[in-house]
Amino acid sequence: MEIEKCETDYEMVVIDSTEPLDNTAEVCEKWGARYINQEEPSFGGAFRTGIKYANKEKFLIMDANGSHQTDRIPAIYHKFVEENCDVVIGSRYVEVDVTNDVFTSQVMNHMLNFCYRIVLGIDAKDISTEYRMYRTADLK
């Protein structure tokens, strides 16, 4: 299936750890991404920092650990827009995708997602992923 490009009005915002550990700021500058240090601890703190500084109508979150396929962003965007979804969840665990997660993480994620599906009644392969699209206003 051929998917057209996403809208061109976007911004990349990279939320880094409170204390930088590498050259992420320089890489962001090179690629035109806005670099921000997270303001609260842990993943939740990074997520809240990203929401706080988000300026566009749609909000795509993606962990930078290499476990998500960036070429899937247009498909996530189009599903979100065309089906008027509240959230679209990308998955590391569908037949056409691969993940760079280590094997133990994959096993733990499969077990966690199995439990989520049973308890929450949500038919999604990867509920625990950080690869999602929302409306920014809903998050704020």
N, C-alpha and C. Protein backbone atom coordinates (compact mmCIF):
# COMPACT_ATOMS: atom_id res chain seq x y z
N MET A 1 0.84 -1.18 0.00
CA MET A 1 0.00 0.00 0.00
C MET A 1 0.89 1.24 0.00
N GLU A 2 0.67 2.10 -0.94
CA GLU A 2 1.44 3.34 -1.05
C GLU A 2 0.81 4.39 -0.12
N ILE A 3 1.62 4.97 0.75
CA ILE A 3 1.13 5.97 1.68
C ILE A 3 1.81 7.29 1.37
N GLU A 4 1.00 8.33 1.23
CA GLU A 4 1.55 9.65 0.96
C GLU A 4 2.25 10.18 2.21
N LYS A 5 3.05 11.21 2.01
CA LYS A 5 3.74 11.83 3.13
C LYS A 5 2.76 12.46 4.10
N CYS A 6 3.21 12.64 5.34
CA CYS A 6 2.41 13.34 6.35
C CYS A 6 2.43 14.83 6.04
N GLU A 7 1.58 15.57 6.74
CA GLU A 7 1.59 17.01 6.57
C GLU A 7 2.99 17.53 6.85
N THR A 8 3.35 18.64 6.25
CA THR A 8 4.71 19.15 6.40
C THR A 8 4.88 20.07 7.59
N ASP A 9 3.81 20.44 8.25
CA ASP A 9 3.90 21.31 9.41
C ASP A 9 4.13 20.47 10.66
N TYR A 10 5.40 20.20 10.94
CA TYR A 10 5.74 19.40 12.11
C TYR A 10 6.99 19.96 12.77
N GLU A 11 7.23 19.49 13.96
CA GLU A 11 8.42 19.88 14.70
C GLU A 11 8.93 18.64 15.42
N MET A 12 10.23 18.44 15.41
CA MET A 12 10.83 17.36 16.19
C MET A 12 11.31 17.95 17.50
N VAL A 13 10.85 17.39 18.59
CA VAL A 13 11.29 17.80 19.92
C VAL A 13 11.91 16.59 20.59
N VAL A 14 13.14 16.72 21.00
CA VAL A 14 13.85 15.63 21.66
C VAL A 14 13.98 15.97 23.14
N ILE A 15 13.44 15.09 23.97
CA ILE A 15 13.55 15.26 25.42
C ILE A 15 14.67 14.36 25.89
N ASP A 16 15.71 14.96 26.41
CA ASP A 16 16.89 14.23 26.87
C ASP A 16 16.86 14.15 28.39
N SER A 17 17.74 13.35 28.94
CA SER A 17 17.83 13.22 30.39
C SER A 17 18.11 14.58 31.05
N THR A 18 17.87 14.66 32.33
CA THR A 18 18.09 15.90 33.06
C THR A 18 19.53 16.37 32.91
N GLU A 19 20.46 15.46 33.06
CA GLU A 19 21.88 15.73 32.85
C GLU A 19 22.32 15.03 31.58
N PRO A 20 22.71 15.78 30.54
CA PRO A 20 23.11 15.15 29.27
C PRO A 20 24.26 14.15 29.47
N LEU A 21 24.15 13.02 28.76
CA LEU A 21 25.15 11.97 28.87
C LEU A 21 25.96 11.78 27.59
N ASP A 22 25.56 12.48 26.53
CA ASP A 22 26.24 12.30 25.24
C ASP A 22 26.07 13.56 24.40
N ASN A 23 26.20 13.44 23.09
CA ASN A 23 26.14 14.60 22.20
C ASN A 23 24.77 14.78 21.54
N THR A 24 23.70 14.40 22.25
CA THR A 24 22.35 14.51 21.70
C THR A 24 22.02 15.94 21.28
N ALA A 25 22.43 16.93 22.06
CA ALA A 25 22.14 18.33 21.73
C ALA A 25 22.75 18.71 20.38
N GLU A 26 23.96 18.28 20.12
CA GLU A 26 24.62 18.59 18.85
C GLU A 26 23.93 17.89 17.68
N VAL A 27 23.52 16.64 17.89
CA VAL A 27 22.81 15.91 16.85
C VAL A 27 21.48 16.59 16.54
N CYS A 28 20.78 17.03 17.57
CA CYS A 28 19.51 17.75 17.37
C CYS A 28 19.72 19.02 16.57
N GLU A 29 20.75 19.76 16.90
CA GLU A 29 21.05 20.99 16.17
C GLU A 29 21.32 20.69 14.70
N LYS A 30 22.08 19.64 14.43
CA LYS A 30 22.41 19.25 13.06
C LYS A 30 21.16 18.93 12.26
N TRP A 31 20.18 18.25 12.88
CA TRP A 31 19.00 17.79 12.16
C TRP A 31 17.78 18.69 12.34
N GLY A 32 17.94 19.81 13.03
CA GLY A 32 16.85 20.78 13.16
C GLY A 32 15.80 20.41 14.19
N ALA A 33 16.16 19.59 15.16
CA ALA A 33 15.22 19.23 16.22
C ALA A 33 15.41 20.16 17.42
N ARG A 34 14.33 20.44 18.11
CA ARG A 34 14.42 21.26 19.33
C ARG A 34 14.84 20.33 20.47
N TYR A 35 15.88 20.72 21.18
CA TYR A 35 16.45 19.91 22.26
C TYR A 35 16.02 20.49 23.60
N ILE A 36 15.46 19.63 24.47
CA ILE A 36 15.00 20.06 25.80
C ILE A 36 15.41 18.98 26.81
N ASN A 37 15.93 19.41 27.93
CA ASN A 37 16.21 18.47 29.01
C ASN A 37 14.93 18.23 29.80
N GLN A 38 14.69 16.98 30.17
CA GLN A 38 13.46 16.68 30.90
C GLN A 38 13.48 17.37 32.26
N GLU A 39 12.30 17.73 32.72
CA GLU A 39 12.16 18.53 33.93
C GLU A 39 11.75 17.71 35.15
N GLU A 40 11.33 16.47 34.94
CA GLU A 40 10.95 15.57 36.03
C GLU A 40 11.62 14.23 35.76
N PRO A 41 11.81 13.42 36.79
CA PRO A 41 12.50 12.14 36.60
C PRO A 41 11.67 11.08 35.88
N SER A 42 12.33 10.10 35.33
CA SER A 42 11.79 8.88 34.73
C SER A 42 11.07 9.15 33.40
N PHE A 43 10.55 8.07 32.82
CA PHE A 43 9.87 8.18 31.53
C PHE A 43 8.68 9.12 31.60
N GLY A 44 7.89 9.03 32.67
CA GLY A 44 6.73 9.91 32.81
C GLY A 44 7.11 11.37 32.82
N GLY A 45 8.24 11.68 33.44
CA GLY A 45 8.72 13.05 33.46
C GLY A 45 9.12 13.53 32.07
N ALA A 46 9.74 12.65 31.31
CA ALA A 46 10.11 13.01 29.93
C ALA A 46 8.85 13.23 29.09
N PHE A 47 7.86 12.36 29.27
CA PHE A 47 6.60 12.48 28.53
C PHE A 47 5.90 13.79 28.87
N ARG A 48 5.80 14.12 30.16
CA ARG A 48 5.16 15.38 30.58
C ARG A 48 5.93 16.59 30.06
N THR A 49 7.25 16.51 30.04
CA THR A 49 8.05 17.62 29.50
C THR A 49 7.75 17.80 28.01
N GLY A 50 7.67 16.70 27.27
CA GLY A 50 7.34 16.78 25.85
C GLY A 50 5.99 17.40 25.61
N ILE A 51 5.00 17.01 26.40
CA ILE A 51 3.65 17.58 26.27
C ILE A 51 3.68 19.08 26.56
N LYS A 52 4.39 19.45 27.59
CA LYS A 52 4.47 20.86 27.98
C LYS A 52 4.98 21.74 26.84
N TYR A 53 5.97 21.25 26.10
CA TYR A 53 6.59 22.07 25.06
C TYR A 53 6.05 21.80 23.66
N ALA A 54 5.09 20.90 23.52
CA ALA A 54 4.52 20.59 22.21
C ALA A 54 3.70 21.78 21.70
N ASN A 55 3.93 22.15 20.43
CA ASN A 55 3.26 23.30 19.83
C ASN A 55 2.34 22.95 18.67
N LYS A 56 2.37 21.74 18.22
CA LYS A 56 1.59 21.37 17.04
C LYS A 56 0.30 20.65 17.44
N GLU A 57 -0.61 20.50 16.50
CA GLU A 57 -1.93 19.92 16.77
C GLU A 57 -1.86 18.43 17.13
N LYS A 58 -0.95 17.72 16.48
CA LYS A 58 -0.82 16.28 16.73
C LYS A 58 0.49 16.02 17.45
N PHE A 59 0.50 14.97 18.27
CA PHE A 59 1.65 14.66 19.12
C PHE A 59 2.02 13.19 18.91
N LEU A 60 3.19 12.95 18.35
CA LEU A 60 3.69 11.59 18.18
C LEU A 60 4.83 11.40 19.15
N ILE A 61 4.71 10.39 19.98
CA ILE A 61 5.79 10.07 20.91
C ILE A 61 6.46 8.79 20.42
N MET A 62 7.79 8.79 20.50
CA MET A 62 8.54 7.63 20.07
C MET A 62 9.80 7.55 20.92
N ASP A 63 10.00 6.42 21.56
CA ASP A 63 11.21 6.20 22.34
C ASP A 63 12.39 6.13 21.38
N ALA A 64 13.51 6.68 21.78
CA ALA A 64 14.69 6.75 20.91
C ALA A 64 15.64 5.57 21.10
N ASN A 65 15.13 4.45 21.55
CA ASN A 65 16.00 3.31 21.81
C ASN A 65 16.17 2.37 20.62
N GLY A 66 15.64 2.74 19.48
CA GLY A 66 15.78 1.94 18.28
C GLY A 66 14.76 0.82 18.15
N SER A 67 13.77 0.77 19.04
CA SER A 67 12.80 -0.33 18.98
C SER A 67 11.62 -0.03 18.07
N HIS A 68 11.55 1.16 17.50
CA HIS A 68 10.42 1.54 16.65
C HIS A 68 10.90 1.84 15.23
N GLN A 69 10.09 1.47 14.26
CA GLN A 69 10.42 1.68 12.86
C GLN A 69 9.89 3.05 12.42
N THR A 70 10.79 3.99 12.14
CA THR A 70 10.37 5.34 11.79
C THR A 70 9.63 5.40 10.46
N ASP A 71 9.82 4.43 9.58
CA ASP A 71 9.10 4.45 8.31
C ASP A 71 7.62 4.16 8.47
N ARG A 72 7.18 3.82 9.69
CA ARG A 72 5.76 3.58 9.97
C ARG A 72 5.01 4.85 10.38
N ILE A 73 5.72 5.95 10.58
CA ILE A 73 5.09 7.20 11.01
C ILE A 73 3.99 7.64 10.04
N PRO A 74 4.20 7.62 8.72
CA PRO A 74 3.10 8.02 7.83
C PRO A 74 1.85 7.15 7.99
N ALA A 75 2.02 5.85 8.21
CA ALA A 75 0.85 4.96 8.39
C ALA A 75 0.12 5.31 9.68
N ILE A 76 0.86 5.60 10.74
CA ILE A 76 0.24 6.00 12.01
C ILE A 76 -0.53 7.30 11.81
N TYR A 77 0.11 8.26 11.15
CA TYR A 77 -0.52 9.55 10.89
C TYR A 77 -1.82 9.39 10.09
N HIS A 78 -1.75 8.64 9.00
CA HIS A 78 -2.93 8.49 8.14
C HIS A 78 -4.07 7.76 8.86
N LYS A 79 -3.77 6.76 9.64
CA LYS A 79 -4.82 6.07 10.40
C LYS A 79 -5.45 7.04 11.39
N PHE A 80 -4.61 7.84 12.07
CA PHE A 80 -5.09 8.82 13.05
C PHE A 80 -6.04 9.82 12.39
N VAL A 81 -5.65 10.35 11.24
CA VAL A 81 -6.44 11.38 10.57
C VAL A 81 -7.66 10.79 9.86
N GLU A 82 -7.45 9.76 9.07
CA GLU A 82 -8.54 9.22 8.25
C GLU A 82 -9.64 8.56 9.07
N GLU A 83 -9.28 7.95 10.19
CA GLU A 83 -10.29 7.28 11.01
C GLU A 83 -10.68 8.11 12.23
N ASN A 84 -10.16 9.34 12.31
CA ASN A 84 -10.46 10.27 13.40
C ASN A 84 -10.29 9.58 14.76
N CYS A 85 -9.14 8.97 14.95
CA CYS A 85 -8.86 8.22 16.18
C CYS A 85 -8.49 9.15 17.33
N ASP A 86 -8.74 8.70 18.54
CA ASP A 86 -8.27 9.41 19.73
C ASP A 86 -6.79 9.12 19.97
N VAL A 87 -6.39 7.91 19.66
CA VAL A 87 -4.98 7.51 19.79
C VAL A 87 -4.72 6.40 18.79
N VAL A 88 -3.54 6.40 18.22
CA VAL A 88 -3.08 5.30 17.38
C VAL A 88 -1.81 4.77 18.03
N ILE A 89 -1.78 3.46 18.25
CA ILE A 89 -0.64 2.81 18.90
C ILE A 89 0.15 2.03 17.86
N GLY A 90 1.41 2.39 17.69
CA GLY A 90 2.30 1.63 16.82
C GLY A 90 2.76 0.39 17.57
N SER A 91 3.10 -0.66 16.86
CA SER A 91 3.49 -1.91 17.52
C SER A 91 4.85 -2.39 17.05
N ARG A 92 5.60 -2.90 17.99
CA ARG A 92 6.87 -3.57 17.67
C ARG A 92 6.64 -5.03 17.33
N TYR A 93 5.42 -5.51 17.49
CA TYR A 93 5.15 -6.94 17.44
C TYR A 93 4.08 -7.34 16.44
N VAL A 94 4.19 -6.85 15.24
CA VAL A 94 3.33 -7.33 14.16
C VAL A 94 4.24 -8.00 13.13
N GLU A 95 3.67 -8.82 12.30
CA GLU A 95 4.47 -9.63 11.39
C GLU A 95 5.39 -8.83 10.48
N VAL A 96 4.97 -7.64 10.05
CA VAL A 96 5.78 -6.89 9.09
C VAL A 96 6.87 -6.06 9.75
N ASP A 97 6.87 -5.95 11.05
CA ASP A 97 7.85 -5.12 11.74
C ASP A 97 8.88 -5.96 12.47
N VAL A 98 9.96 -5.29 12.81
CA VAL A 98 11.01 -5.89 13.63
C VAL A 98 11.30 -4.92 14.76
N THR A 99 11.93 -5.41 15.79
CA THR A 99 12.33 -4.55 16.89
C THR A 99 13.80 -4.80 17.21
N ASN A 100 14.45 -3.80 17.71
CA ASN A 100 15.83 -3.93 18.15
C ASN A 100 15.92 -4.20 19.65
N ASP A 101 14.76 -4.43 20.29
CA ASP A 101 14.75 -4.76 21.71
C ASP A 101 15.49 -6.08 21.93
N VAL A 102 16.16 -6.20 23.05
CA VAL A 102 16.82 -7.46 23.39
C VAL A 102 15.75 -8.52 23.66
N PHE A 103 16.12 -9.77 23.54
CA PHE A 103 15.16 -10.87 23.65
C PHE A 103 14.40 -10.84 24.97
N THR A 104 15.10 -10.60 26.09
CA THR A 104 14.41 -10.59 27.39
C THR A 104 13.36 -9.49 27.45
N SER A 105 13.63 -8.34 26.86
CA SER A 105 12.64 -7.26 26.82
C SER A 105 11.44 -7.66 25.98
N GLN A 106 11.68 -8.35 24.88
CA GLN A 106 10.58 -8.79 24.04
C GLN A 106 9.67 -9.77 24.79
N VAL A 107 10.27 -10.72 25.51
CA VAL A 107 9.49 -11.69 26.27
C VAL A 107 8.67 -10.98 27.35
N MET A 108 9.33 -10.09 28.10
CA MET A 108 8.62 -9.35 29.16
C MET A 108 7.49 -8.51 28.58
N ASN A 109 7.73 -7.85 27.44
CA ASN A 109 6.69 -7.03 26.81
C ASN A 109 5.52 -7.88 26.33
N HIS A 110 5.79 -9.05 25.77
CA HIS A 110 4.70 -9.92 25.33
C HIS A 110 3.85 -10.36 26.52
N MET A 111 4.49 -10.69 27.62
CA MET A 111 3.74 -11.09 28.82
C MET A 111 2.92 -9.93 29.37
N LEU A 112 3.51 -8.75 29.45
CA LEU A 112 2.82 -7.57 29.94
C LEU A 112 1.62 -7.23 29.05
N ASN A 113 1.83 -7.25 27.75
CA ASN A 113 0.75 -6.92 26.83
C ASN A 113 -0.36 -7.96 26.87
N PHE A 114 -0.03 -9.22 27.06
CA PHE A 114 -1.05 -10.26 27.22
C PHE A 114 -1.93 -9.93 28.43
N CYS A 115 -1.29 -9.57 29.54
CA CYS A 115 -2.06 -9.22 30.75
C CYS A 115 -2.90 -7.97 30.52
N TYR A 116 -2.34 -6.95 29.88
CA TYR A 116 -3.11 -5.74 29.57
C TYR A 116 -4.35 -6.07 28.74
N ARG A 117 -4.17 -6.90 27.71
CA ARG A 117 -5.31 -7.25 26.85
C ARG A 117 -6.42 -7.92 27.65
N ILE A 118 -6.05 -8.80 28.55
CA ILE A 118 -7.06 -9.51 29.36
C ILE A 118 -7.74 -8.55 30.34
N VAL A 119 -6.95 -7.80 31.09
CA VAL A 119 -7.50 -6.93 32.13
C VAL A 119 -8.28 -5.75 31.54
N LEU A 120 -7.73 -5.12 30.51
CA LEU A 120 -8.34 -3.92 29.94
C LEU A 120 -9.33 -4.21 28.81
N GLY A 121 -9.26 -5.41 28.25
CA GLY A 121 -10.15 -5.75 27.15
C GLY A 121 -9.82 -4.99 25.88
N ILE A 122 -8.56 -4.63 25.71
CA ILE A 122 -8.13 -3.88 24.53
C ILE A 122 -7.41 -4.85 23.60
N ASP A 123 -7.84 -4.90 22.34
CA ASP A 123 -7.23 -5.80 21.37
C ASP A 123 -6.10 -5.06 20.65
N ALA A 124 -4.98 -4.92 21.33
CA ALA A 124 -3.80 -4.27 20.75
C ALA A 124 -2.59 -5.13 21.06
N LYS A 125 -1.68 -5.22 20.11
CA LYS A 125 -0.50 -6.08 20.27
C LYS A 125 0.55 -5.47 21.19
N ASP A 126 0.58 -4.14 21.31
CA ASP A 126 1.70 -3.50 22.00
C ASP A 126 1.21 -2.30 22.81
N ILE A 127 0.38 -2.56 23.81
CA ILE A 127 -0.19 -1.50 24.63
C ILE A 127 0.90 -0.76 25.41
N SER A 128 1.99 -1.43 25.73
CA SER A 128 3.04 -0.85 26.56
C SER A 128 4.05 -0.01 25.78
N THR A 129 3.84 0.17 24.50
CA THR A 129 4.80 0.89 23.67
C THR A 129 4.76 2.41 23.91
N GLU A 130 5.85 3.05 23.60
CA GLU A 130 5.92 4.52 23.63
C GLU A 130 5.87 5.06 22.21
N TYR A 131 5.14 4.42 21.34
CA TYR A 131 5.04 4.81 19.93
C TYR A 131 3.57 5.05 19.63
N ARG A 132 3.12 6.29 19.86
CA ARG A 132 1.69 6.62 19.79
C ARG A 132 1.49 8.02 19.20
N MET A 133 0.29 8.24 18.69
CA MET A 133 -0.09 9.57 18.23
C MET A 133 -1.38 9.98 18.93
N TYR A 134 -1.39 11.22 19.41
CA TYR A 134 -2.53 11.81 20.11
C TYR A 134 -2.78 13.21 19.55
N ARG A 135 -3.91 13.81 19.94
CA ARG A 135 -4.11 15.25 19.74
C ARG A 135 -3.44 15.94 20.92
N THR A 136 -2.60 16.90 20.66
CA THR A 136 -1.85 17.59 21.69
C THR A 136 -2.78 18.22 22.73
N ALA A 137 -3.88 18.81 22.27
CA ALA A 137 -4.81 19.46 23.21
C ALA A 137 -5.39 18.45 24.21
N ASP A 138 -5.62 17.22 23.76
CA ASP A 138 -6.14 16.19 24.68
C ASP A 138 -5.12 15.87 25.77
N LEU A 139 -3.86 15.89 25.42
CA LEU A 139 -2.81 15.60 26.40
C LEU A 139 -2.61 16.76 27.38
N LYS A 140 -2.69 17.97 26.84
CA LYS A 140 -2.47 19.14 27.70
C LYS A 140 -3.62 19.29 28.68
